[in-house]
């Protein structure tokens, strides 16, 4: 069992930065691949970034490549998403999630979810 709690969302102007954090409880955190999803109003939930067990491999959706960086600290049971050069189209609720499957794109492949944190980018 893994419980996830996100923090770090907020309102930022276009071009600004935010850092999202996800704190996990449970001894098996390091056994899961972690992902950050986002969901904008009226849109499907999409995978933004993912990271492997020890952080050696990462994945980014095309729209955030070069701007977002995912990282994890298994000693602290945390996963983070550094978001730079934010755009209004990045506005969404962001969720962290855990899966036993690497590069699982679909939300249904993730077993555990946080409650989400709102990111709003103003133009």
C-alpha atoms as a PDB file:
ATOM      1  CA  UNK A   1       0.000   0.000   0.000  1.00  0.00           C
ATOM      2  CA  UNK A   2       1.303   3.438  -0.956  1.00  0.00           C
ATOM      3  CA  UNK A   3      -0.281   6.735   0.005  1.00  0.00           C
ATOM      4  CA  UNK A   4       0.648   9.816  -1.981  1.00  0.00           C
ATOM      5  CA  UNK A   5       0.304  13.483  -1.072  1.00  0.00           C
ATOM      6  CA  UNK A   6       1.178  16.261  -3.525  1.00  0.00           C
ATOM      7  CA  UNK A   7       2.193  19.817  -2.700  1.00  0.00           C
ATOM      8  CA  UNK A   8       3.667  22.832  -4.413  1.00  0.00           C
ATOM      9  CA  UNK A   9       0.959  23.916  -6.800  1.00  0.00           C
ATOM     10  CA  UNK A  10      -0.145  27.505  -7.165  1.00  0.00           C
ATOM     11  CA  UNK A  11      -0.580  30.490  -9.444  1.00  0.00           C
ATOM     12  CA  UNK A  12       2.358  31.645 -11.555  1.00  0.00           C
ATOM     13  CA  UNK A  13       2.842  33.924 -14.524  1.00  0.00           C
ATOM     14  CA  UNK A  14       3.818  32.549 -17.898  1.00  0.00           C
ATOM     15  CA  UNK A  15       7.550  31.956 -18.037  1.00  0.00           C
ATOM     16  CA  UNK A  16       7.746  31.263 -14.317  1.00  0.00           C
ATOM     17  CA  UNK A  17       8.618  28.114 -12.422  1.00  0.00           C
ATOM     18  CA  UNK A  18       7.026  25.808  -9.875  1.00  0.00           C
ATOM     19  CA  UNK A  19       8.259  22.692  -8.117  1.00  0.00           C
ATOM     20  CA  UNK A  20       5.747  19.996  -7.268  1.00  0.00           C
ATOM     21  CA  UNK A  21       6.511  17.428  -4.604  1.00  0.00           C
ATOM     22  CA  UNK A  22       4.864  14.134  -3.817  1.00  0.00           C
ATOM     23  CA  UNK A  23       5.420  12.480  -0.456  1.00  0.00           C
ATOM     24  CA  UNK A  24       4.812   8.746  -0.272  1.00  0.00           C
ATOM     25  CA  UNK A  25       4.138   6.581   2.721  1.00  0.00           C
ATOM     26  CA  UNK A  26       4.797   2.867   2.762  1.00  0.00           C
ATOM     27  CA  UNK A  27       7.887   0.718   2.665  1.00  0.00           C
ATOM     28  CA  UNK A  28       7.499  -0.272  -0.975  1.00  0.00           C
ATOM     29  CA  UNK A  29       7.867   3.175  -2.570  1.00  0.00           C
ATOM     30  CA  UNK A  30      11.152   2.237  -4.254  1.00  0.00           C
ATOM     31  CA  UNK A  31       9.423  -0.749  -5.877  1.00  0.00           C
ATOM     32  CA  UNK A  32       7.187   1.459  -7.983  1.00  0.00           C
ATOM     33  CA  UNK A  33       7.677   3.493 -11.082  1.00  0.00           C
ATOM     34  CA  UNK A  34       6.319   6.958 -10.486  1.00  0.00           C
ATOM     35  CA  UNK A  35       4.479   9.268 -12.800  1.00  0.00           C
ATOM     36  CA  UNK A  36       3.112  12.783 -12.857  1.00  0.00           C
ATOM     37  CA  UNK A  37      -0.187  13.245 -14.655  1.00  0.00           C
ATOM     38  CA  UNK A  38      -2.217  16.348 -15.322  1.00  0.00           C
ATOM     39  CA  UNK A  39      -5.830  16.989 -16.150  1.00  0.00           C
ATOM     40  CA  UNK A  40      -7.175  20.236 -17.521  1.00  0.00           C
ATOM     41  CA  UNK A  41     -10.905  21.028 -17.485  1.00  0.00           C
ATOM     42  CA  UNK A  42     -12.713  19.095 -20.177  1.00  0.00           C
ATOM     43  CA  UNK A  43      -9.637  17.085 -21.106  1.00  0.00           C
ATOM     44  CA  UNK A  44      -8.442  13.586 -20.394  1.00  0.00           C
ATOM     45  CA  UNK A  45      -5.815  12.909 -17.771  1.00  0.00           C
ATOM     46  CA  UNK A  46      -2.417  12.696 -19.477  1.00  0.00           C
ATOM     47  CA  UNK A  47       0.967  11.394 -18.410  1.00  0.00           C
ATOM     48  CA  UNK A  48       3.438  14.271 -18.204  1.00  0.00           C
ATOM     49  CA  UNK A  49       6.562  12.531 -16.878  1.00  0.00           C
ATOM     50  CA  UNK A  50       7.639   9.214 -15.417  1.00  0.00           C
ATOM     51  CA  UNK A  51      10.684   7.911 -13.601  1.00  0.00           C
ATOM     52  CA  UNK A  52      12.052   4.430 -13.017  1.00  0.00           C
ATOM     53  CA  UNK A  53      12.774   2.763  -9.668  1.00  0.00           C
ATOM     54  CA  UNK A  54      16.136   4.384  -9.060  1.00  0.00           C
ATOM     55  CA  UNK A  55      15.735   7.363 -11.347  1.00  0.00           C
ATOM     56  CA  UNK A  56      18.018   6.080 -14.106  1.00  0.00           C
ATOM     57  CA  UNK A  57      15.304   6.315 -16.745  1.00  0.00           C
ATOM     58  CA  UNK A  58      12.798   9.079 -17.341  1.00  0.00           C
ATOM     59  CA  UNK A  59      10.007   9.828 -19.774  1.00  0.00           C
ATOM     60  CA  UNK A  60       8.465  13.151 -20.786  1.00  0.00           C
ATOM     61  CA  UNK A  61       5.570  13.930 -23.021  1.00  0.00           C
ATOM     62  CA  UNK A  62       6.645  16.036 -25.986  1.00  0.00           C
ATOM     63  CA  UNK A  63       4.968  19.229 -24.818  1.00  0.00           C
ATOM     64  CA  UNK A  64       7.103  19.466 -21.655  1.00  0.00           C
ATOM     65  CA  UNK A  65      10.464  18.187 -22.880  1.00  0.00           C
ATOM     66  CA  UNK A  66      13.248  20.609 -22.015  1.00  0.00           C
ATOM     67  CA  UNK A  67      11.026  22.461 -19.518  1.00  0.00           C
ATOM     68  CA  UNK A  68      10.064  19.874 -16.868  1.00  0.00           C
ATOM     69  CA  UNK A  69      12.331  17.595 -14.852  1.00  0.00           C
ATOM     70  CA  UNK A  70      11.189  14.622 -12.797  1.00  0.00           C
ATOM     71  CA  UNK A  71      13.302  13.281  -9.954  1.00  0.00           C
ATOM     72  CA  UNK A  72      12.939  10.999  -6.957  1.00  0.00           C
ATOM     73  CA  UNK A  73      14.608  10.424  -3.621  1.00  0.00           C
ATOM     74  CA  UNK A  74      13.918   6.904  -2.398  1.00  0.00           C
ATOM     75  CA  UNK A  75      15.551   7.595   0.969  1.00  0.00           C
ATOM     76  CA  UNK A  76      12.972  10.312   1.589  1.00  0.00           C
ATOM     77  CA  UNK A  77      10.105   8.622  -0.286  1.00  0.00           C
ATOM     78  CA  UNK A  78       9.562  11.625  -2.496  1.00  0.00           C
ATOM     79  CA  UNK A  79       9.154  12.349  -6.179  1.00  0.00           C
ATOM     80  CA  UNK A  80       9.330  15.864  -7.599  1.00  0.00           C
ATOM     81  CA  UNK A  81       8.487  17.689 -10.774  1.00  0.00           C
ATOM     82  CA  UNK A  82      10.441  20.863 -11.522  1.00  0.00           C
ATOM     83  CA  UNK A  83       8.485  22.940 -14.019  1.00  0.00           C
ATOM     84  CA  UNK A  84      10.226  25.815 -15.788  1.00  0.00           C
ATOM     85  CA  UNK A  85       9.164  28.160 -18.574  1.00  0.00           C
ATOM     86  CA  UNK A  86       5.545  27.520 -17.719  1.00  0.00           C
ATOM     87  CA  UNK A  87       2.870  28.238 -20.286  1.00  0.00           C
ATOM     88  CA  UNK A  88      -0.858  28.906 -19.883  1.00  0.00           C
ATOM     89  CA  UNK A  89      -1.527  25.526 -21.499  1.00  0.00           C
ATOM     90  CA  UNK A  90       0.233  23.869 -18.544  1.00  0.00           C
ATOM     91  CA  UNK A  91      -2.700  24.901 -16.362  1.00  0.00           C
ATOM     92  CA  UNK A  92      -4.223  21.755 -14.853  1.00  0.00           C
ATOM     93  CA  UNK A  93      -4.563  19.670 -11.744  1.00  0.00           C
ATOM     94  CA  UNK A  94      -1.368  17.667 -11.345  1.00  0.00           C
ATOM     95  CA  UNK A  95      -1.333  14.206  -9.799  1.00  0.00           C
ATOM     96  CA  UNK A  96       1.445  11.879  -8.812  1.00  0.00           C
ATOM     97  CA  UNK A  97       0.821   8.186  -9.202  1.00  0.00           C
ATOM     98  CA  UNK A  98       2.553   4.849  -8.696  1.00  0.00           C
ATOM     99  CA  UNK A  99       2.638   1.849 -11.009  1.00  0.00           C
ATOM    100  CA  UNK A 100       4.441  -1.504 -11.184  1.00  0.00           C
ATOM    101  CA  UNK A 101       4.714  -1.127 -14.974  1.00  0.00           C
ATOM    102  CA  UNK A 102       7.402   0.949 -16.677  1.00  0.00           C
ATOM    103  CA  UNK A 103       6.190   3.471 -19.236  1.00  0.00           C
ATOM    104  CA  UNK A 104       2.589   2.871 -18.414  1.00  0.00           C
ATOM    105  CA  UNK A 105       0.851   5.662 -20.284  1.00  0.00           C
ATOM    106  CA  UNK A 106      -2.735   5.014 -19.318  1.00  0.00           C
ATOM    107  CA  UNK A 107      -4.048   6.173 -15.945  1.00  0.00           C
ATOM    108  CA  UNK A 108      -5.689   2.778 -15.474  1.00  0.00           C
ATOM    109  CA  UNK A 109      -2.231   1.207 -15.170  1.00  0.00           C
ATOM    110  CA  UNK A 110      -1.467   3.167 -12.012  1.00  0.00           C
ATOM    111  CA  UNK A 111      -2.413   1.634  -8.685  1.00  0.00           C
ATOM    112  CA  UNK A 112      -2.065   4.591  -6.350  1.00  0.00           C
ATOM    113  CA  UNK A 113      -2.891   8.271  -6.736  1.00  0.00           C
ATOM    114  CA  UNK A 114      -2.487  11.474  -4.811  1.00  0.00           C
ATOM    115  CA  UNK A 115      -5.315  13.939  -4.371  1.00  0.00           C
ATOM    116  CA  UNK A 116      -3.917  16.398  -6.904  1.00  0.00           C
ATOM    117  CA  UNK A 117      -2.570  19.932  -6.759  1.00  0.00           C
ATOM    118  CA  UNK A 118      -3.741  22.854  -8.891  1.00  0.00           C
ATOM    119  CA  UNK A 119      -1.292  24.633 -11.168  1.00  0.00           C
ATOM    120  CA  UNK A 120      -2.519  27.805 -12.822  1.00  0.00           C
ATOM    121  CA  UNK A 121      -0.371  29.725 -15.302  1.00  0.00           C
ATOM    122  CA  UNK A 122      -1.549  33.202 -16.205  1.00  0.00           C
ATOM    123  CA  UNK A 123      -0.705  34.860 -19.490  1.00  0.00           C
END
